Amino acid sequence: MGVTFLMLVRRSWPESDIPAYSFSEPWNGPHNSHLQLGWSIFNCRSVRDEDSPLTDYVAVVGPNTLWPGGKSATLAKDGSDDDKILLIEVVHSDIHQLEPRDLTLDEALLIIQPNKGIGIGSRHVDGIHYVTASDQVRTLDRKIDRESLRRLLTRDATAPSSKISASTNSHE
């Protein structure tokens, strides 16, 4: 997740002070393991202090999601993916900010708001926070049924898509 999120942060907030991540080595390789960690944009401040190296946000990966395996996130040109979940909050995370680990669709739908073990959920009283493909931050009811969550996590359209570009900044 960390690398995926790092790329999204660079796209959305290029002025952020994010150190140079080396894509030529593993996330925990010699260079990357020495990077200054604890970027508060990667973790939920209501759960962790800003220096925590863990992330509380993941992508949900797999066929028909916005993250189909090792490919870049794709968006339908017709806008049908705009309300789909790009990143979502999890509870009980043990995922390092730079670790390329996410949830599969099956894992995401297994248990919502688990009492133990990583899963989609939140400690926020208002619900589970997530980011849409159109860069909107929204809140999801913890009592959402699995089919409704599946519809938010999977693509409706098979329309031609365009890759989310690290050089595109939707906030300009």
C-alpha atoms as a PDB file:
ATOM      1  CA  MET A   1       0.000   0.000   0.000  1.00  0.00           C
ATOM      2  CA  GLY A   2       2.694   2.442   0.919  1.00  0.00           C
ATOM      3  CA  VAL A   3       4.156   2.741  -2.569  1.00  0.00           C
ATOM      4  CA  THR A   4       0.716   3.019  -4.180  1.00  0.00           C
ATOM      5  CA  PHE A   5      -0.283   5.672  -1.688  1.00  0.00           C
ATOM      6  CA  LEU A   6       3.066   7.441  -2.106  1.00  0.00           C
ATOM      7  CA  MET A   7       2.426   7.719  -5.855  1.00  0.00           C
ATOM      8  CA  LEU A   8      -1.088   9.081  -5.242  1.00  0.00           C
ATOM      9  CA  VAL A   9       0.191  11.623  -2.733  1.00  0.00           C
ATOM     10  CA  ARG A  10       2.829  12.842  -5.175  1.00  0.00           C
ATOM     11  CA  ARG A  11       0.088  13.222  -7.814  1.00  0.00           C
ATOM     12  CA  SER A  12      -2.327  15.062  -5.565  1.00  0.00           C
ATOM     13  CA  TRP A  13       0.069  17.048  -3.390  1.00  0.00           C
ATOM     14  CA  PRO A  14       3.352  17.465  -5.290  1.00  0.00           C
ATOM     15  CA  GLU A  15       4.485  20.127  -2.843  1.00  0.00           C
ATOM     16  CA  SER A  16       4.551  17.547  -0.021  1.00  0.00           C
ATOM     17  CA  ASP A  17       7.970  16.891   1.413  1.00  0.00           C
ATOM     18  CA  ILE A  18       8.240  13.220   0.516  1.00  0.00           C
ATOM     19  CA  PRO A  19      11.712  11.700   0.302  1.00  0.00           C
ATOM     20  CA  ALA A  20      12.955  10.003  -2.836  1.00  0.00           C
ATOM     21  CA  TYR A  21      11.719   6.428  -2.811  1.00  0.00           C
ATOM     22  CA  SER A  22      13.881   4.042  -4.823  1.00  0.00           C
ATOM     23  CA  PHE A  23      11.747   1.859  -7.067  1.00  0.00           C
ATOM     24  CA  SER A  24      14.889  -0.088  -8.027  1.00  0.00           C
ATOM     25  CA  GLU A  25      14.939  -1.946  -4.701  1.00  0.00           C
ATOM     26  CA  PRO A  26      12.404  -3.604  -2.375  1.00  0.00           C
ATOM     27  CA  TRP A  27      10.320  -1.432  -0.039  1.00  0.00           C
ATOM     28  CA  ASN A  28      12.542  -2.517   2.855  1.00  0.00           C
ATOM     29  CA  GLY A  29      15.810  -2.472   0.872  1.00  0.00           C
ATOM     30  CA  PRO A  30      18.984  -0.650   1.981  1.00  0.00           C
ATOM     31  CA  HIS A  31      18.006   2.828   0.683  1.00  0.00           C
ATOM     32  CA  ASN A  32      14.268   2.703   1.374  1.00  0.00           C
ATOM     33  CA  SER A  33      14.677   1.330   4.904  1.00  0.00           C
ATOM     34  CA  HIS A  34      16.632   4.479   5.826  1.00  0.00           C
ATOM     35  CA  LEU A  35      13.965   6.923   4.662  1.00  0.00           C
ATOM     36  CA  GLN A  36      12.522   9.243   7.286  1.00  0.00           C
ATOM     37  CA  LEU A  37       9.220   7.653   8.255  1.00  0.00           C
ATOM     38  CA  GLY A  38       6.148   8.824  10.065  1.00  0.00           C
ATOM     39  CA  TRP A  39       4.436  10.926   7.398  1.00  0.00           C
ATOM     40  CA  SER A  40       1.150  11.793   9.036  1.00  0.00           C
ATOM     41  CA  ILE A  41      -0.655  11.667   5.676  1.00  0.00           C
ATOM     42  CA  PHE A  42      -0.284   7.869   5.749  1.00  0.00           C
ATOM     43  CA  ASN A  43      -1.947   7.264   9.086  1.00  0.00           C
ATOM     44  CA  CYS A  44      -5.083   8.220  10.941  1.00  0.00           C
ATOM     45  CA  ARG A  45      -4.142  10.819  13.545  1.00  0.00           C
ATOM     46  CA  SER A  46      -7.064   9.796  15.771  1.00  0.00           C
ATOM     47  CA  VAL A  47      -5.504   6.324  16.107  1.00  0.00           C
ATOM     48  CA  ARG A  48      -1.728   6.866  15.828  1.00  0.00           C
ATOM     49  CA  ASP A  49       0.731   9.595  16.573  1.00  0.00           C
ATOM     50  CA  GLU A  50       2.142  11.378  13.543  1.00  0.00           C
ATOM     51  CA  ASP A  51       5.482   9.561  13.792  1.00  0.00           C
ATOM     52  CA  SER A  52       4.013   6.075  13.352  1.00  0.00           C
ATOM     53  CA  PRO A  53       5.502   4.103  10.432  1.00  0.00           C
ATOM     54  CA  LEU A  54       2.198   2.233   9.920  1.00  0.00           C
ATOM     55  CA  THR A  55      -0.561   3.124   7.470  1.00  0.00           C
ATOM     56  CA  ASP A  56      -4.284   2.997   8.177  1.00  0.00           C
ATOM     57  CA  TYR A  57      -5.349   3.189   4.519  1.00  0.00           C
ATOM     58  CA  VAL A  58      -5.249   0.525   1.826  1.00  0.00           C
ATOM     59  CA  ALA A  59      -6.289  -0.123  -1.732  1.00  0.00           C
ATOM     60  CA  VAL A  60      -8.607  -3.033  -2.445  1.00  0.00           C
ATOM     61  CA  VAL A  61      -7.066  -5.040  -5.258  1.00  0.00           C
ATOM     62  CA  GLY A  62      -8.247  -7.652  -7.702  1.00  0.00           C
ATOM     63  CA  PRO A  63     -10.249  -8.169 -10.889  1.00  0.00           C
ATOM     64  CA  ASN A  64     -12.924  -5.512 -11.488  1.00  0.00           C
ATOM     65  CA  THR A  65     -11.482  -3.157  -8.835  1.00  0.00           C
ATOM     66  CA  LEU A  66      -9.635   0.070  -9.558  1.00  0.00           C
ATOM     67  CA  TRP A  67      -6.455  -1.845  -8.688  1.00  0.00           C
ATOM     68  CA  PRO A  68      -6.499  -4.950 -10.927  1.00  0.00           C
ATOM     69  CA  GLY A  69      -3.271  -6.609  -9.809  1.00  0.00           C
ATOM     70  CA  GLY A  70       0.058  -4.967 -10.545  1.00  0.00           C
ATOM     71  CA  LYS A  71      -1.452  -2.460 -12.962  1.00  0.00           C
ATOM     72  CA  SER A  72      -1.975   1.258 -12.429  1.00  0.00           C
ATOM     73  CA  ALA A  73      -5.362   2.375 -11.229  1.00  0.00           C
ATOM     74  CA  THR A  74      -7.682   2.948 -14.155  1.00  0.00           C
ATOM     75  CA  LEU A  75     -10.691   5.171 -14.513  1.00  0.00           C
ATOM     76  CA  ALA A  76     -13.474   4.930 -17.056  1.00  0.00           C
ATOM     77  CA  LYS A  77     -13.463   7.924 -19.367  1.00  0.00           C
ATOM     78  CA  ASP A  78     -17.235   8.245 -19.009  1.00  0.00           C
ATOM     79  CA  GLY A  79     -16.961   9.092 -15.282  1.00  0.00           C
ATOM     80  CA  SER A  80     -18.706   5.922 -14.137  1.00  0.00           C
ATOM     81  CA  ASP A  81     -15.825   5.153 -11.764  1.00  0.00           C
ATOM     82  CA  ASP A  82     -15.775   8.570 -10.058  1.00  0.00           C
ATOM     83  CA  ASP A  83     -17.620   7.374  -6.929  1.00  0.00           C
ATOM     84  CA  LYS A  84     -15.670   4.119  -6.620  1.00  0.00           C
ATOM     85  CA  ILE A  85     -13.391   3.565  -3.623  1.00  0.00           C
ATOM     86  CA  LEU A  86      -9.741   4.232  -4.435  1.00  0.00           C
ATOM     87  CA  LEU A  87      -8.389   3.974  -0.856  1.00  0.00           C
ATOM     88  CA  ILE A  88     -10.184   2.940   2.325  1.00  0.00           C
ATOM     89  CA  GLU A  89      -9.491   3.009   6.044  1.00  0.00           C
ATOM     90  CA  VAL A  90      -8.678  -0.187   7.939  1.00  0.00           C
ATOM     91  CA  VAL A  91      -8.485  -1.104  11.615  1.00  0.00           C
ATOM     92  CA  HIS A  92      -5.789  -3.130  13.380  1.00  0.00           C
ATOM     93  CA  SER A  93      -3.257  -2.364  10.640  1.00  0.00           C
ATOM     94  CA  ASP A  94       0.239  -3.752  10.887  1.00  0.00           C
ATOM     95  CA  ILE A  95       1.160  -2.517   7.400  1.00  0.00           C
ATOM     96  CA  HIS A  96       4.330  -0.429   7.148  1.00  0.00           C
ATOM     97  CA  GLN A  97       3.849   2.793   5.167  1.00  0.00           C
ATOM     98  CA  LEU A  98       6.146   1.636   2.373  1.00  0.00           C
ATOM     99  CA  GLU A  99       5.093  -2.014   2.320  1.00  0.00           C
ATOM    100  CA  PRO A 100       3.294  -2.978  -0.904  1.00  0.00           C
ATOM    101  CA  ARG A 101       0.444  -4.807   0.834  1.00  0.00           C
ATOM    102  CA  ASP A 102      -3.257  -4.227   0.343  1.00  0.00           C
ATOM    103  CA  LEU A 103      -6.513  -6.128   0.811  1.00  0.00           C
ATOM    104  CA  THR A 104      -8.016  -8.360  -1.847  1.00  0.00           C
ATOM    105  CA  LEU A 105     -11.690  -7.879  -2.610  1.00  0.00           C
ATOM    106  CA  ASP A 106     -12.491 -11.107  -0.747  1.00  0.00           C
ATOM    107  CA  GLU A 107     -10.505  -9.943   2.323  1.00  0.00           C
ATOM    108  CA  ALA A 108     -12.221  -6.542   2.232  1.00  0.00           C
ATOM    109  CA  LEU A 109     -15.673  -8.104   2.172  1.00  0.00           C
ATOM    110  CA  LEU A 110     -14.941 -10.843   4.731  1.00  0.00           C
ATOM    111  CA  ILE A 111     -15.607  -8.851   7.917  1.00  0.00           C
ATOM    112  CA  ILE A 112     -16.458  -5.169   8.100  1.00  0.00           C
ATOM    113  CA  GLN A 113     -15.324  -3.541  11.353  1.00  0.00           C
ATOM    114  CA  PRO A 114     -13.535  -6.619  12.774  1.00  0.00           C
ATOM    115  CA  ASN A 115     -12.822  -6.852  16.514  1.00  0.00           C
ATOM    116  CA  LYS A 116      -9.347  -8.210  15.773  1.00  0.00           C
ATOM    117  CA  GLY A 117      -7.228  -8.674  12.698  1.00  0.00           C
ATOM    118  CA  ILE A 118      -6.899  -6.215   9.844  1.00  0.00           C
ATOM    119  CA  GLY A 119     -10.056  -5.313   7.945  1.00  0.00           C
ATOM    120  CA  ILE A 120     -12.101  -2.447   6.613  1.00  0.00           C
ATOM    121  CA  GLY A 121     -13.203  -0.396   9.588  1.00  0.00           C
ATOM    122  CA  SER A 122     -12.629   2.726  11.644  1.00  0.00           C
ATOM    123  CA  ARG A 123     -12.469   4.055  15.157  1.00  0.00           C
ATOM    124  CA  HIS A 124     -14.156   7.272  13.999  1.00  0.00           C
ATOM    125  CA  VAL A 125     -17.634   7.743  15.418  1.00  0.00           C
ATOM    126  CA  ASP A 126     -18.936   8.986  12.067  1.00  0.00           C
ATOM    127  CA  GLY A 127     -17.866   5.868  10.118  1.00  0.00           C
ATOM    128  CA  ILE A 128     -15.166   4.526   7.824  1.00  0.00           C
ATOM    129  CA  HIS A 129     -13.244   7.115   5.826  1.00  0.00           C
ATOM    130  CA  TYR A 130     -12.375   6.532   2.176  1.00  0.00           C
ATOM    131  CA  VAL A 131     -11.168   8.372  -0.930  1.00  0.00           C
ATOM    132  CA  THR A 132     -13.032   8.109  -4.220  1.00  0.00           C
ATOM    133  CA  ALA A 133     -11.495   7.862  -7.666  1.00  0.00           C
ATOM    134  CA  SER A 134     -12.462  11.527  -8.123  1.00  0.00           C
ATOM    135  CA  ASP A 135     -10.341  12.512  -5.061  1.00  0.00           C
ATOM    136  CA  GLN A 136     -13.263  13.103  -2.686  1.00  0.00           C
ATOM    137  CA  VAL A 137     -13.003  12.081   0.975  1.00  0.00           C
ATOM    138  CA  ARG A 138     -16.192  10.405   2.166  1.00  0.00           C
ATOM    139  CA  THR A 139     -17.519   8.432   5.121  1.00  0.00           C
ATOM    140  CA  LEU A 140     -19.029   4.966   4.933  1.00  0.00           C
ATOM    141  CA  ASP A 141     -21.534   3.611   7.440  1.00  0.00           C
ATOM    142  CA  ARG A 142     -19.999   0.755   9.456  1.00  0.00           C
ATOM    143  CA  LYS A 143     -23.233  -1.192   9.016  1.00  0.00           C
ATOM    144  CA  ILE A 144     -23.027  -1.204   5.222  1.00  0.00           C
ATOM    145  CA  ASP A 145     -24.046  -4.544   3.757  1.00  0.00           C
ATOM    146  CA  ARG A 146     -21.481  -6.502   1.782  1.00  0.00           C
ATOM    147  CA  GLU A 147     -23.256  -6.140  -1.564  1.00  0.00           C
ATOM    148  CA  SER A 148     -23.375  -2.332  -1.265  1.00  0.00           C
ATOM    149  CA  LEU A 149     -19.689  -2.295  -0.320  1.00  0.00           C
ATOM    150  CA  ARG A 150     -18.889  -4.592  -3.253  1.00  0.00           C
ATOM    151  CA  ARG A 151     -20.615  -2.139  -5.626  1.00  0.00           C
ATOM    152  CA  LEU A 152     -18.422   0.706  -4.301  1.00  0.00           C
ATOM    153  CA  LEU A 153     -15.256  -1.373  -4.661  1.00  0.00           C
ATOM    154  CA  THR A 154     -15.852  -2.819  -8.131  1.00  0.00           C
ATOM    155  CA  ARG A 155     -16.152  -1.262 -11.543  1.00  0.00           C
ATOM    156  CA  ASP A 156     -19.502  -1.029 -13.347  1.00  0.00           C
ATOM    157  CA  ALA A 157     -18.205  -0.070 -16.730  1.00  0.00           C
ATOM    158  CA  THR A 158     -15.999  -1.762 -19.228  1.00  0.00           C
ATOM    159  CA  ALA A 159     -15.620   1.585 -20.943  1.00  0.00           C
ATOM    160  CA  PRO A 160     -12.190   2.554 -22.283  1.00  0.00           C
ATOM    161  CA  SER A 161     -10.071   3.698 -19.393  1.00  0.00           C
ATOM    162  CA  SER A 162      -7.266   6.132 -18.765  1.00  0.00           C
ATOM    163  CA  LYS A 163      -4.466   5.527 -16.295  1.00  0.00           C
ATOM    164  CA  ILE A 164      -4.219   7.705 -13.221  1.00  0.00           C
ATOM    165  CA  SER A 165      -1.110   9.663 -14.008  1.00  0.00           C
ATOM    166  CA  ALA A 166       1.441  10.700 -11.403  1.00  0.00           C
ATOM    167  CA  SER A 167       1.868  13.917 -13.381  1.00  0.00           C
ATOM    168  CA  THR A 168      -1.822  14.848 -13.292  1.00  0.00           C
ATOM    169  CA  ASN A 169      -2.790  17.094 -10.395  1.00  0.00           C
ATOM    170  CA  SER A 170      -6.528  17.385  -9.864  1.00  0.00           C
ATOM    171  CA  HIS A 171      -6.047  20.103  -7.243  1.00  0.00           C
ATOM    172  CA  GLU A 172      -4.567  22.674  -9.608  1.00  0.00           C
END
